Amino acid sequence: MKEKNPFEPYIKEKSEDKIEDTNSFLLNEEMFLDRSFSTFSQTQEKKQEEILSYVEMPILDTEGKTEIIEIPEEKKEKRKGANLIILSLLFLPSLFVLILIGLHSNTLISKSFLSILYVLFFLFMLLFIGGIVLHAKKENKLPAKSKVFKILFSIFMFFYIVGCGTFSFIMYGPNKGFRDWLIPTAMTTMTHQYFATWFYDSETIESVLDQNTIIESGEDTDLNLISVGNLDFDATTYANEYEKEILTKDKGNDIYKVIDIEGSGYKGHMVVVYDPARIKVATTKYLNVKGQYVTDMAADNKALLAINGGGFIDPNYSSNGGTPQGIVIQNGKVVSDRPYSKSGGLIGFTKENKLILGKMTSKEALAKGVRDSVTFGPFLIVNGQKSFIKGNGGWGTAPRTAIGQRKDGIVLLLVIDGRKLKYPGADMVDLTEIMEKYGAYNAANLDGGTSSVMVFPEEKAKQFLTTKELQSHCTNKYCYINDPIDGGGSHETRWVASSIIVK
């Protein structure tokens, strides 16, 4: 017979309690799960809605890894607006400048292309306005990397817009100073007239040249007013500092003296030649074929010094400097005789060693006793009277060469450097003032630009040049002591047809 467990009632009671507790737990757990799932579902639905209103944008961090930054739809529109503004600002200033150029000249921009520029400008203006509208929403704080980009871009745009605005104002603004300088300077060069024709039409160019011109007196040189050899080197009083500078000779040199010249925007050298009989004209030994450097002409003639002379014919701006303009006379013999209709004319010395300026034929020149001459201009001073100069004289600012003679017969040979930021060169006003200061009674402009050089034998040139310059400025033991710069910016001279030498 099985014995009854005394603890059975207790165990049964506890088991029932446990079952009851377990059922209660399961029921509670089921209710908890129901509530949690419901809450989770609602949360997920809400997040799904939020996700749908975001876009993903990849951003590269500093280590080259890609991060995903979520930007709301509102910020996406703001970003589109910013991009439109940036795109518009990149094109609008340039289009504005091109339209201005097209309105003032059809050489660089044709009328048909100008119409296209108008359409593009209008379209980018619409994009710019649209970008502002999209961007005009509540403030969006961008990441630090974007702020750096904004700063750099802002700096670039500042200089870009200021640059375009400055160019437009200088070229086409109410102040005509730059225009009046650029057009005459460019139009009197042989290879860089496009600097004017690209940006201005022919009517504007002609108008500016008319307002900046030199009107010569038209008088013939009165040779009787020149008294060669009437020099007073023992004078103790002088009319001015320039008179003293000329009449005070260098020790040991009775033939010539070199004077440094410097003024506002120019500097150069003037040679004072005391005996005008020493002045001669030299030409390239390849006359009408090709030119020579002035250093080579000086070497061929064993000259004491030399400067470049008259102009040369330059068809299509491709001349090699071999064919002189106008009349060239050497030792009383006509070596070149071509029509010349520009300002100036014959610039020569008579057998009495007097500088003669005039518009004449070769026969008339020989009849007046001309022994050596070149052709160029304009004439700056005739019989002590300056030419009437309007504006800058119509020749702009550039390297210059000029010749003059005082009443006492002393000859002045002047070369001015240019085409540098600090020293752009001289205009006709500058040349006339320099010649007048030093007492020139007759004076004329010679060929300038890259042609302008002053040449000495190497031993003398060492006083003016550095060792490095001696290597680049010399040929045949002769060197130019100034610093010519060609149209491409190279520090070098060019072949020319004629030169004026001192023997």
Protein backbone atom coordinates (compact mmCIF):
# COMPACT_ATOMS: atom_id res chain seq x y z
CA MET A 1 0.00 0.00 0.00
CA LYS A 2 1.40 3.27 -1.15
CA GLU A 3 2.05 5.76 1.53
CA LYS A 4 0.58 9.21 1.22
CA ASN A 5 3.07 12.07 0.80
CA PRO A 6 2.52 14.53 3.59
CA PHE A 7 3.66 17.42 1.40
CA GLU A 8 1.39 16.66 -1.58
CA PRO A 9 -1.25 19.34 -0.81
CA TYR A 10 1.47 21.92 -0.58
CA ILE A 11 3.14 20.84 -3.85
CA LYS A 12 -0.15 20.81 -5.71
CA GLU A 13 -1.04 24.21 -4.47
CA LYS A 14 2.31 25.59 -5.56
CA SER A 15 2.05 23.91 -8.94
CA GLU A 16 -1.30 25.42 -9.58
CA ASP A 17 0.04 28.80 -8.53
CA LYS A 18 2.96 28.33 -10.88
CA ILE A 19 0.70 27.42 -13.76
CA GLU A 20 -1.46 30.32 -12.95
CA ASP A 21 1.57 32.62 -12.74
CA THR A 22 2.93 31.27 -16.00
CA ASN A 23 -0.35 31.83 -17.77
CA SER A 24 -0.50 35.32 -16.37
CA PHE A 25 3.07 35.97 -17.52
CA LEU A 26 2.37 34.67 -21.01
CA LEU A 27 -0.74 36.75 -21.22
CA ASN A 28 1.10 39.85 -20.05
CA GLU A 29 3.97 39.10 -22.40
CA GLU A 30 1.56 38.74 -25.28
CA MET A 31 -0.07 42.05 -24.44
CA PHE A 32 3.37 43.69 -24.13
CA LEU A 33 4.42 42.34 -27.51
CA ASP A 34 1.18 43.54 -29.06
CA ARG A 35 1.71 47.01 -27.68
CA SER A 36 5.42 47.06 -28.62
CA PHE A 37 4.74 45.89 -32.13
CA SER A 38 2.03 48.48 -32.52
CA THR A 39 4.38 51.20 -31.26
CA PHE A 40 7.21 49.91 -33.43
CA SER A 41 4.96 49.86 -36.49
CA GLN A 42 3.85 53.39 -35.86
CA THR A 43 7.47 54.49 -35.38
CA GLN A 44 8.56 52.78 -38.55
CA GLU A 45 5.73 54.32 -40.54
CA LYS A 46 6.70 57.75 -39.21
CA LYS A 47 10.38 57.18 -40.08
CA GLN A 48 9.40 55.96 -43.52
CA GLU A 49 7.52 59.18 -44.08
CA GLU A 50 10.55 61.18 -42.91
CA ILE A 51 12.87 59.17 -45.12
CA LEU A 52 10.71 59.89 -48.14
CA SER A 53 11.25 63.62 -47.52
CA TYR A 54 15.06 63.31 -47.52
CA VAL A 55 17.66 62.88 -50.28
CA GLU A 56 21.02 61.30 -49.85
CA MET A 57 24.13 63.33 -50.79
CA PRO A 58 27.59 61.74 -50.82
CA ILE A 59 30.30 63.84 -49.17
CA LEU A 60 34.01 62.99 -49.27
CA ASP A 61 35.72 63.41 -45.93
CA THR A 62 39.39 64.32 -45.47
CA GLU A 63 40.44 60.64 -45.55
CA GLY A 64 38.78 60.04 -48.91
CA LYS A 65 35.93 58.01 -47.38
CA THR A 66 32.40 58.66 -48.49
CA GLU A 67 29.79 59.68 -45.94
CA ILE A 68 26.09 60.02 -46.60
CA ILE A 69 24.48 63.24 -45.41
CA GLU A 70 20.70 63.47 -45.55
CA ILE A 71 19.31 66.82 -46.68
CA PRO A 72 15.62 67.69 -46.52
CA GLU A 73 13.71 68.46 -49.71
CA GLU A 74 13.59 72.13 -48.69
CA LYS A 75 17.36 72.22 -48.45
CA LYS A 76 17.61 70.43 -51.78
CA GLU A 77 15.77 73.30 -53.44
CA LYS A 78 17.99 75.77 -51.64
CA ARG A 79 21.03 73.93 -52.97
CA LYS A 80 19.62 74.08 -56.50
CA GLY A 81 19.15 77.80 -56.10
CA ALA A 82 22.73 78.27 -54.94
CA ASN A 83 24.03 76.26 -57.90
CA LEU A 84 22.01 78.38 -60.34
CA ILE A 85 23.37 81.58 -58.78
CA ILE A 86 26.95 80.30 -59.00
CA LEU A 87 26.52 79.20 -62.61
CA SER A 88 25.02 82.55 -63.58
CA LEU A 89 27.73 84.57 -61.84
CA LEU A 90 30.42 82.61 -63.67
CA PHE A 91 29.05 83.64 -67.07
CA LEU A 92 27.26 86.98 -66.68
CA PRO A 93 30.34 89.24 -66.14
CA SER A 94 32.16 87.77 -69.16
CA LEU A 95 29.06 88.01 -71.32
CA PHE A 96 28.62 91.63 -70.27
CA VAL A 97 32.21 92.47 -71.27
CA LEU A 98 31.88 90.68 -74.62
CA ILE A 99 28.64 92.53 -75.36
CA LEU A 100 30.35 95.86 -74.61
CA ILE A 101 33.19 94.97 -76.99
CA GLY A 102 30.68 93.91 -79.64
CA LEU A 103 28.81 97.20 -79.29
CA HIS A 104 31.99 99.24 -79.80
CA SER A 105 33.74 97.17 -82.47
CA ASN A 106 32.80 94.41 -84.91
CA THR A 107 36.38 93.31 -85.57
CA LEU A 108 36.67 90.95 -82.62
CA ILE A 109 32.95 90.14 -82.31
CA SER A 110 30.66 89.99 -85.34
CA LYS A 111 27.08 91.26 -85.29
CA SER A 112 25.67 87.72 -85.56
CA PHE A 113 27.75 86.54 -82.61
CA LEU A 114 26.65 89.63 -80.69
CA SER A 115 23.02 88.51 -81.12
CA ILE A 116 23.91 85.13 -79.62
CA LEU A 117 25.57 86.90 -76.69
CA TYR A 118 22.37 88.88 -76.07
CA VAL A 119 20.33 85.62 -75.89
CA LEU A 120 22.84 83.96 -73.57
CA PHE A 121 22.96 86.99 -71.31
CA PHE A 122 19.13 87.01 -71.06
CA LEU A 123 19.02 83.27 -70.28
CA PHE A 124 21.65 83.51 -67.55
CA MET A 125 19.83 86.48 -66.06
CA LEU A 126 16.70 84.32 -65.82
CA LEU A 127 18.74 81.54 -64.19
CA PHE A 128 20.19 84.05 -61.76
CA ILE A 129 16.74 85.35 -60.77
CA GLY A 130 15.41 81.80 -60.48
CA GLY A 131 18.32 80.83 -58.28
CA ILE A 132 17.63 83.75 -55.95
CA VAL A 133 13.97 82.71 -55.64
CA LEU A 134 14.87 79.10 -54.80
CA HIS A 135 17.56 80.16 -52.39
CA ALA A 136 15.43 82.72 -50.55
CA LYS A 137 14.22 80.33 -47.79
CA LYS A 138 15.01 79.96 -44.10
CA GLU A 139 18.66 79.86 -43.25
CA ASN A 140 20.53 76.68 -43.94
CA LYS A 141 23.67 76.13 -41.94
CA LEU A 142 26.11 74.29 -44.17
CA PRO A 143 28.86 71.93 -42.97
CA ALA A 144 32.28 73.43 -42.28
CA LYS A 145 33.69 72.09 -45.55
CA SER A 146 31.02 73.98 -47.48
CA LYS A 147 31.85 77.17 -45.61
CA VAL A 148 35.47 76.91 -46.74
CA PHE A 149 34.30 76.45 -50.32
CA LYS A 150 32.02 79.44 -49.98
CA ILE A 151 34.90 81.62 -48.75
CA LEU A 152 37.23 80.57 -51.57
CA PHE A 153 34.55 80.96 -54.18
CA SER A 154 33.59 84.37 -52.82
CA ILE A 155 37.20 85.56 -53.08
CA PHE A 156 37.44 84.29 -56.66
CA MET A 157 34.14 85.90 -57.65
CA PHE A 158 35.15 89.20 -56.06
CA PHE A 159 38.30 89.51 -58.15
CA TYR A 160 36.57 88.13 -61.24
CA ILE A 161 33.68 90.60 -61.10
CA VAL A 162 35.92 93.52 -60.09
CA GLY A 163 38.26 92.65 -62.96
CA CYS A 164 35.47 92.58 -65.54
CA GLY A 165 34.01 95.79 -64.14
CA THR A 166 37.38 97.57 -64.12
CA PHE A 167 38.09 96.53 -67.70
CA SER A 168 34.68 97.78 -68.84
CA PHE A 169 35.04 101.08 -67.00
CA ILE A 170 38.56 101.77 -68.30
CA MET A 171 37.79 100.83 -71.90
CA TYR A 172 34.30 102.30 -72.24
CA GLY A 173 33.65 104.47 -69.18
CA PRO A 174 33.18 108.24 -69.10
CA ASN A 175 36.90 108.86 -68.51
CA LYS A 176 38.54 108.76 -71.95
CA GLY A 177 42.15 109.00 -70.78
CA PHE A 178 43.04 105.34 -71.29
CA ARG A 179 41.27 105.19 -74.64
CA ASP A 180 43.09 108.33 -75.83
CA TRP A 181 46.38 106.69 -74.84
CA LEU A 182 45.70 103.19 -76.19
CA ILE A 183 44.44 104.05 -79.68
CA PRO A 184 47.31 106.37 -80.76
CA THR A 185 49.88 104.08 -79.14
CA ALA A 186 48.57 100.99 -80.92
CA MET A 187 47.85 102.60 -84.28
CA THR A 188 51.39 103.99 -84.62
CA THR A 189 52.95 100.53 -84.17
CA MET A 190 53.59 98.22 -87.09
CA THR A 191 52.42 94.94 -85.56
CA HIS A 192 50.03 95.74 -82.71
CA GLN A 193 47.26 97.86 -84.21
CA TYR A 194 44.83 95.10 -83.22
CA PHE A 195 45.00 96.39 -79.64
CA ALA A 196 42.87 99.28 -80.92
CA THR A 197 40.86 97.65 -83.72
CA TRP A 198 39.72 94.75 -81.53
CA PHE A 199 38.00 97.04 -79.07
CA TYR A 200 36.99 100.14 -81.07
CA ASP A 201 35.35 100.76 -84.42
CA SER A 202 36.98 102.81 -87.17
CA GLU A 203 34.88 105.91 -86.40
CA THR A 204 36.06 105.94 -82.78
CA ILE A 205 39.67 105.38 -83.80
CA GLU A 206 39.56 108.22 -86.32
CA SER A 207 37.89 110.52 -83.80
CA VAL A 208 40.54 109.82 -81.16
CA LEU A 209 43.38 110.30 -83.64
CA ASP A 210 41.86 113.62 -84.72
CA GLN A 211 41.72 114.75 -81.09
CA ASN A 212 45.33 113.64 -80.50
CA THR A 213 47.46 114.95 -83.32
CA ILE A 214 50.37 117.22 -84.08
CA ILE A 215 50.04 120.15 -86.46
CA GLU A 216 53.38 121.15 -87.93
CA SER A 217 54.14 124.78 -88.65
CA GLY A 218 54.69 124.17 -92.35
CA GLU A 219 57.67 126.53 -92.38
CA ASP A 220 60.91 125.73 -94.18
CA THR A 221 63.99 125.58 -92.01
CA ASP A 222 65.76 128.95 -91.99
CA LEU A 223 69.38 127.85 -92.14
CA ASN A 224 70.61 131.40 -91.67
CA LEU A 225 69.49 131.26 -88.05
CA ILE A 226 71.98 128.47 -87.25
CA SER A 227 75.55 129.52 -86.48
CA VAL A 228 77.72 126.40 -86.39
CA GLY A 229 80.75 126.62 -84.14
CA ASN A 230 79.56 129.60 -82.12
CA LEU A 231 80.31 127.88 -78.81
CA ASP A 232 81.35 129.37 -75.50
CA PHE A 233 82.80 126.65 -73.30
CA ASP A 234 84.44 129.22 -71.05
CA ALA A 235 81.17 130.79 -69.98
CA THR A 236 80.69 131.37 -66.27
CA THR A 237 76.99 132.10 -66.43
CA TYR A 238 74.35 130.01 -68.14
CA ALA A 239 70.77 130.57 -69.20
CA ASN A 240 69.65 127.53 -67.17
CA GLU A 241 70.82 124.20 -65.77
CA TYR A 242 70.36 122.48 -69.14
CA GLU A 243 72.62 125.01 -70.86
CA LYS A 244 75.28 124.38 -68.24
CA GLU A 245 74.96 120.63 -68.60
CA ILE A 246 75.52 120.82 -72.35
CA LEU A 247 78.42 123.29 -72.37
CA THR A 248 80.31 121.53 -69.58
CA LYS A 249 82.29 118.90 -71.44
CA ASP A 250 83.32 115.55 -70.06
CA LYS A 251 86.97 115.42 -69.15
CA GLY A 252 89.04 114.08 -72.03
CA ASN A 253 86.16 114.03 -74.53
CA ASP A 254 85.77 117.01 -76.86
CA ILE A 255 83.58 115.14 -79.37
CA TYR A 256 80.44 114.27 -77.43
CA LYS A 257 78.84 113.97 -74.01
CA VAL A 258 76.17 111.53 -72.73
CA ILE A 259 73.42 112.94 -70.53
CA ASP A 260 70.94 110.72 -68.69
CA ILE A 261 67.33 111.76 -69.26
CA GLU A 262 64.44 110.94 -66.92
CA GLY A 263 60.93 112.26 -66.56
CA SER A 264 57.41 111.19 -65.68
CA GLY A 265 57.03 107.74 -67.24
CA TYR A 266 60.23 107.74 -69.27
CA LYS A 267 64.01 107.59 -69.10
CA GLY A 268 66.81 107.38 -71.61
CA HIS A 269 69.99 108.99 -72.88
CA MET A 270 70.88 112.09 -74.87
CA VAL A 271 74.17 112.44 -76.71
CA VAL A 272 75.41 116.01 -77.18
CA VAL A 273 77.58 116.13 -80.33
CA TYR A 274 79.71 119.27 -80.44
CA ASP A 275 80.78 119.05 -84.08
CA PRO A 276 77.84 118.50 -86.51
CA ALA A 277 80.29 117.67 -89.32
CA ARG A 278 80.69 114.28 -87.68
CA ILE A 279 77.03 113.41 -88.22
CA LYS A 280 76.50 110.98 -91.12
CA VAL A 281 73.80 108.62 -92.39
CA ALA A 282 74.47 104.88 -92.69
CA THR A 283 72.26 102.32 -94.39
CA THR A 284 72.02 98.56 -94.38
CA LYS A 285 74.53 97.03 -96.77
CA TYR A 286 71.66 94.87 -98.02
CA LEU A 287 69.59 97.91 -99.06
CA ASN A 288 66.13 96.99 -100.39
CA VAL A 289 66.77 93.34 -99.50
CA LYS A 290 67.00 93.20 -95.71
CA GLY A 291 67.96 95.43 -92.82
CA GLN A 292 70.78 95.31 -90.31
CA TYR A 293 71.16 95.88 -86.61
CA VAL A 294 72.42 99.37 -85.80
CA THR A 295 75.34 97.69 -84.00
CA ASP A 296 76.38 96.11 -87.30
CA MET A 297 76.02 99.39 -89.22
CA ALA A 298 78.15 101.12 -86.60
CA ALA A 299 80.80 98.40 -86.88
CA ASP A 300 80.81 98.57 -90.69
CA ASN A 301 81.43 102.34 -90.51
CA LYS A 302 83.75 102.31 -87.47
CA ALA A 303 81.45 104.82 -85.80
CA LEU A 304 82.04 106.49 -82.45
CA LEU A 305 78.34 106.07 -81.71
CA ALA A 306 75.05 105.58 -83.55
CA ILE A 307 71.26 105.75 -83.20
CA ASN A 308 68.57 104.35 -85.46
CA GLY A 309 67.39 106.62 -88.28
CA GLY A 310 64.36 106.87 -90.55
CA GLY A 311 61.44 104.57 -91.05
CA PHE A 312 61.13 101.62 -93.41
CA ILE A 313 58.36 100.14 -95.50
CA ASP A 314 56.51 97.38 -93.70
CA PRO A 315 53.80 95.79 -95.89
CA ASN A 316 51.47 93.48 -93.94
CA TYR A 317 53.66 94.10 -90.87
CA SER A 318 56.15 91.50 -92.04
CA SER A 319 59.07 93.64 -93.18
CA ASN A 320 62.68 92.73 -92.52
CA GLY A 321 63.62 96.42 -92.41
CA GLY A 322 65.45 96.49 -95.73
CA THR A 323 63.51 99.16 -97.66
CA PRO A 324 63.68 102.77 -96.38
CA GLN A 325 60.78 105.20 -96.42
CA GLY A 326 61.03 108.39 -98.44
CA ILE A 327 64.38 109.92 -99.41
CA VAL A 328 67.73 108.67 -98.15
CA ILE A 329 70.89 110.56 -99.11
CA GLN A 330 74.44 109.52 -98.27
CA ASN A 331 77.43 111.78 -98.95
CA GLY A 332 75.43 113.83 -101.42
CA LYS A 333 74.13 110.80 -103.31
CA VAL A 334 70.49 109.68 -103.38
CA VAL A 335 70.40 105.98 -102.46
CA SER A 336 66.63 105.65 -101.99
CA ASP A 337 63.77 107.78 -103.28
CA ARG A 338 60.17 106.83 -102.60
CA PRO A 339 57.00 108.89 -102.14
CA TYR A 340 56.26 109.86 -98.55
CA SER A 341 52.98 111.46 -97.47
CA LYS A 342 52.96 111.07 -93.70
CA SER A 343 53.80 113.74 -91.12
CA GLY A 344 57.32 115.05 -91.15
CA GLY A 345 59.47 114.53 -94.20
CA LEU A 346 63.16 114.88 -94.98
CA ILE A 347 65.51 115.12 -91.97
CA GLY A 348 69.06 115.85 -93.04
CA PHE A 349 72.26 117.83 -92.80
CA THR A 350 73.55 120.24 -95.41
CA LYS A 351 77.14 120.64 -96.50
CA GLU A 352 77.29 123.51 -93.99
CA ASN A 353 76.44 120.94 -91.28
CA LYS A 354 73.05 122.45 -90.51
CA LEU A 355 69.98 120.35 -89.72
CA ILE A 356 67.30 120.85 -92.36
CA LEU A 357 63.68 119.72 -92.03
CA GLY A 358 61.16 119.90 -94.84
CA LYS A 359 58.79 118.33 -97.31
CA MET A 360 60.76 118.23 -100.56
CA THR A 361 61.79 116.05 -103.46
CA SER A 362 65.22 114.53 -103.80
CA LYS A 363 66.13 117.09 -106.47
CA GLU A 364 65.08 119.94 -104.20
CA ALA A 365 67.11 118.44 -101.37
CA LEU A 366 70.26 118.21 -103.47
CA ALA A 367 69.68 121.75 -104.70
CA LYS A 368 69.63 122.93 -101.07
CA GLY A 369 72.94 121.24 -100.46
CA VAL A 370 71.73 118.23 -98.44
CA ARG A 371 74.60 115.76 -97.96
CA ASP A 372 73.00 113.18 -95.64
CA SER A 373 69.32 112.56 -94.86
CA VAL A 374 66.62 110.11 -93.81
CA THR A 375 62.84 110.46 -93.84
CA PHE A 376 60.44 110.39 -90.91
CA GLY A 377 58.51 112.67 -88.58
CA PRO A 378 56.70 114.50 -87.23
CA PHE A 379 58.73 117.68 -86.97
CA LEU A 380 58.73 118.85 -83.34
CA ILE A 381 60.37 122.27 -83.55
CA VAL A 382 61.06 124.38 -86.63
CA ASN A 383 62.89 127.71 -86.40
CA GLY A 384 62.41 127.74 -82.66
CA GLN A 385 58.62 127.30 -82.90
CA LYS A 386 57.05 124.17 -81.46
CA SER A 387 54.49 122.29 -83.50
CA PHE A 388 50.92 122.58 -82.22
CA ILE A 389 50.18 119.37 -80.33
CA LYS A 390 46.63 118.27 -79.53
CA GLY A 391 46.36 115.74 -76.73
CA ASN A 392 49.36 113.41 -76.81
CA GLY A 393 50.17 114.24 -80.42
CA GLY A 394 48.50 111.15 -81.87
CA TRP A 395 51.51 108.88 -81.46
CA GLY A 396 50.74 107.54 -78.02
CA THR A 397 53.45 106.49 -75.57
CA ALA A 398 56.36 104.32 -76.70
CA PRO A 399 60.14 104.08 -76.96
CA ARG A 400 61.35 107.09 -78.98
CA THR A 401 64.31 108.39 -80.96
CA ALA A 402 64.71 112.06 -81.88
CA ILE A 403 67.26 114.47 -83.32
CA GLY A 404 67.71 118.20 -82.86
CA GLN A 405 70.16 121.03 -83.37
CA ARG A 406 70.74 124.13 -81.29
CA LYS A 407 71.40 127.58 -82.77
CA ASP A 408 75.09 127.14 -81.92
CA GLY A 409 75.23 124.01 -84.09
CA ILE A 410 75.39 121.43 -81.28
CA VAL A 411 73.44 118.30 -82.25
CA LEU A 412 71.20 116.46 -79.79
CA LEU A 413 70.62 112.72 -80.30
CA LEU A 414 67.91 111.36 -77.99
CA VAL A 415 66.78 107.79 -77.28
CA ILE A 416 63.99 107.05 -74.77
CA ASP A 417 63.17 103.57 -73.45
CA GLY A 418 59.61 102.33 -72.90
CA ARG A 419 57.17 99.42 -72.68
CA LYS A 420 57.76 98.96 -68.96
CA LEU A 421 55.30 99.39 -66.11
CA LYS A 422 57.21 102.26 -64.52
CA TYR A 423 58.54 103.66 -67.79
CA PRO A 424 55.99 103.16 -70.60
CA GLY A 425 57.85 105.65 -72.79
CA ALA A 426 57.41 109.15 -74.21
CA ASP A 427 54.86 110.86 -76.44
CA MET A 428 55.35 113.80 -78.77
CA VAL A 429 54.74 116.25 -75.94
CA ASP A 430 57.57 114.69 -73.91
CA LEU A 431 60.00 114.72 -76.83
CA THR A 432 59.25 118.35 -77.64
CA GLU A 433 59.69 119.43 -74.02
CA ILE A 434 63.04 117.62 -73.71
CA MET A 435 64.36 119.13 -76.93
CA GLU A 436 63.14 122.59 -75.94
CA LYS A 437 64.79 122.38 -72.49
CA TYR A 438 68.14 121.61 -74.05
CA GLY A 439 67.85 124.46 -76.52
CA ALA A 440 66.95 122.69 -79.79
CA TYR A 441 66.08 125.22 -82.50
CA ASN A 442 65.06 122.53 -84.97
CA ALA A 443 64.04 119.01 -83.93
CA ALA A 444 62.26 115.96 -85.35
CA ASN A 445 61.02 112.57 -84.28
CA LEU A 446 62.80 109.55 -85.79
CA ASP A 447 61.65 105.93 -86.00
CA GLY A 448 60.77 104.54 -82.57
CA GLY A 449 59.46 101.45 -80.84
CA THR A 450 61.65 98.36 -81.04
CA SER A 451 63.92 100.21 -83.49
CA SER A 452 65.02 102.76 -80.86
CA VAL A 453 68.66 102.11 -79.90
CA MET A 454 71.76 104.03 -78.91
CA VAL A 455 75.00 102.24 -79.81
CA PHE A 456 78.62 102.59 -78.63
CA PRO A 457 81.80 100.53 -79.01
CA GLU A 458 81.94 97.79 -76.38
CA GLU A 459 84.61 99.52 -74.30
CA LYS A 460 82.46 102.64 -73.95
CA ALA A 461 79.25 100.63 -73.48
CA LYS A 462 80.74 98.93 -70.40
CA GLN A 463 80.12 102.17 -68.52
CA PHE A 464 76.36 101.70 -68.98
CA LEU A 465 75.79 97.92 -69.05
CA THR A 466 76.08 95.02 -66.65
CA THR A 467 78.15 91.94 -67.53
CA LYS A 468 74.97 90.04 -68.37
CA GLU A 469 73.68 92.87 -70.60
CA LEU A 470 76.99 92.97 -72.47
CA GLN A 471 76.37 89.39 -73.54
CA SER A 472 72.96 90.16 -75.05
CA HIS A 473 73.35 93.77 -76.27
CA CYS A 474 76.48 93.44 -78.41
CA THR A 475 77.42 92.35 -81.94
CA ASN A 476 80.68 93.03 -83.76
CA LYS A 477 82.16 94.74 -80.67
CA TYR A 478 79.36 97.33 -80.61
CA CYS A 479 76.56 97.42 -78.04
CA TYR A 480 73.31 99.29 -77.55
CA ILE A 481 73.20 100.85 -74.09
CA ASN A 482 69.44 101.30 -73.75
CA ASP A 483 66.85 98.57 -73.21
CA PRO A 484 64.66 98.05 -76.30
CA ILE A 485 61.63 95.80 -75.89
CA ASP A 486 59.80 94.30 -78.84
CA GLY A 487 56.07 93.68 -79.14
CA GLY A 488 56.41 90.22 -77.63
CA GLY A 489 58.10 91.52 -74.50
CA SER A 490 61.61 90.33 -75.41
CA HIS A 491 64.47 92.70 -74.55
CA GLU A 492 65.92 92.97 -78.03
CA THR A 493 66.05 95.29 -81.01
CA ARG A 494 65.37 94.64 -84.69
CA TRP A 495 66.81 95.15 -88.17
CA VAL A 496 66.37 98.62 -89.61
CA ALA A 497 67.11 100.31 -92.93
CA SER A 498 69.12 103.34 -91.79
CA SER A 499 70.96 104.86 -88.87
CA ILE A 500 72.58 108.15 -87.89
CA ILE A 501 76.20 107.77 -86.90
CA VAL A 502 78.95 109.93 -85.43
CA LYS A 503 82.38 109.36 -87.00
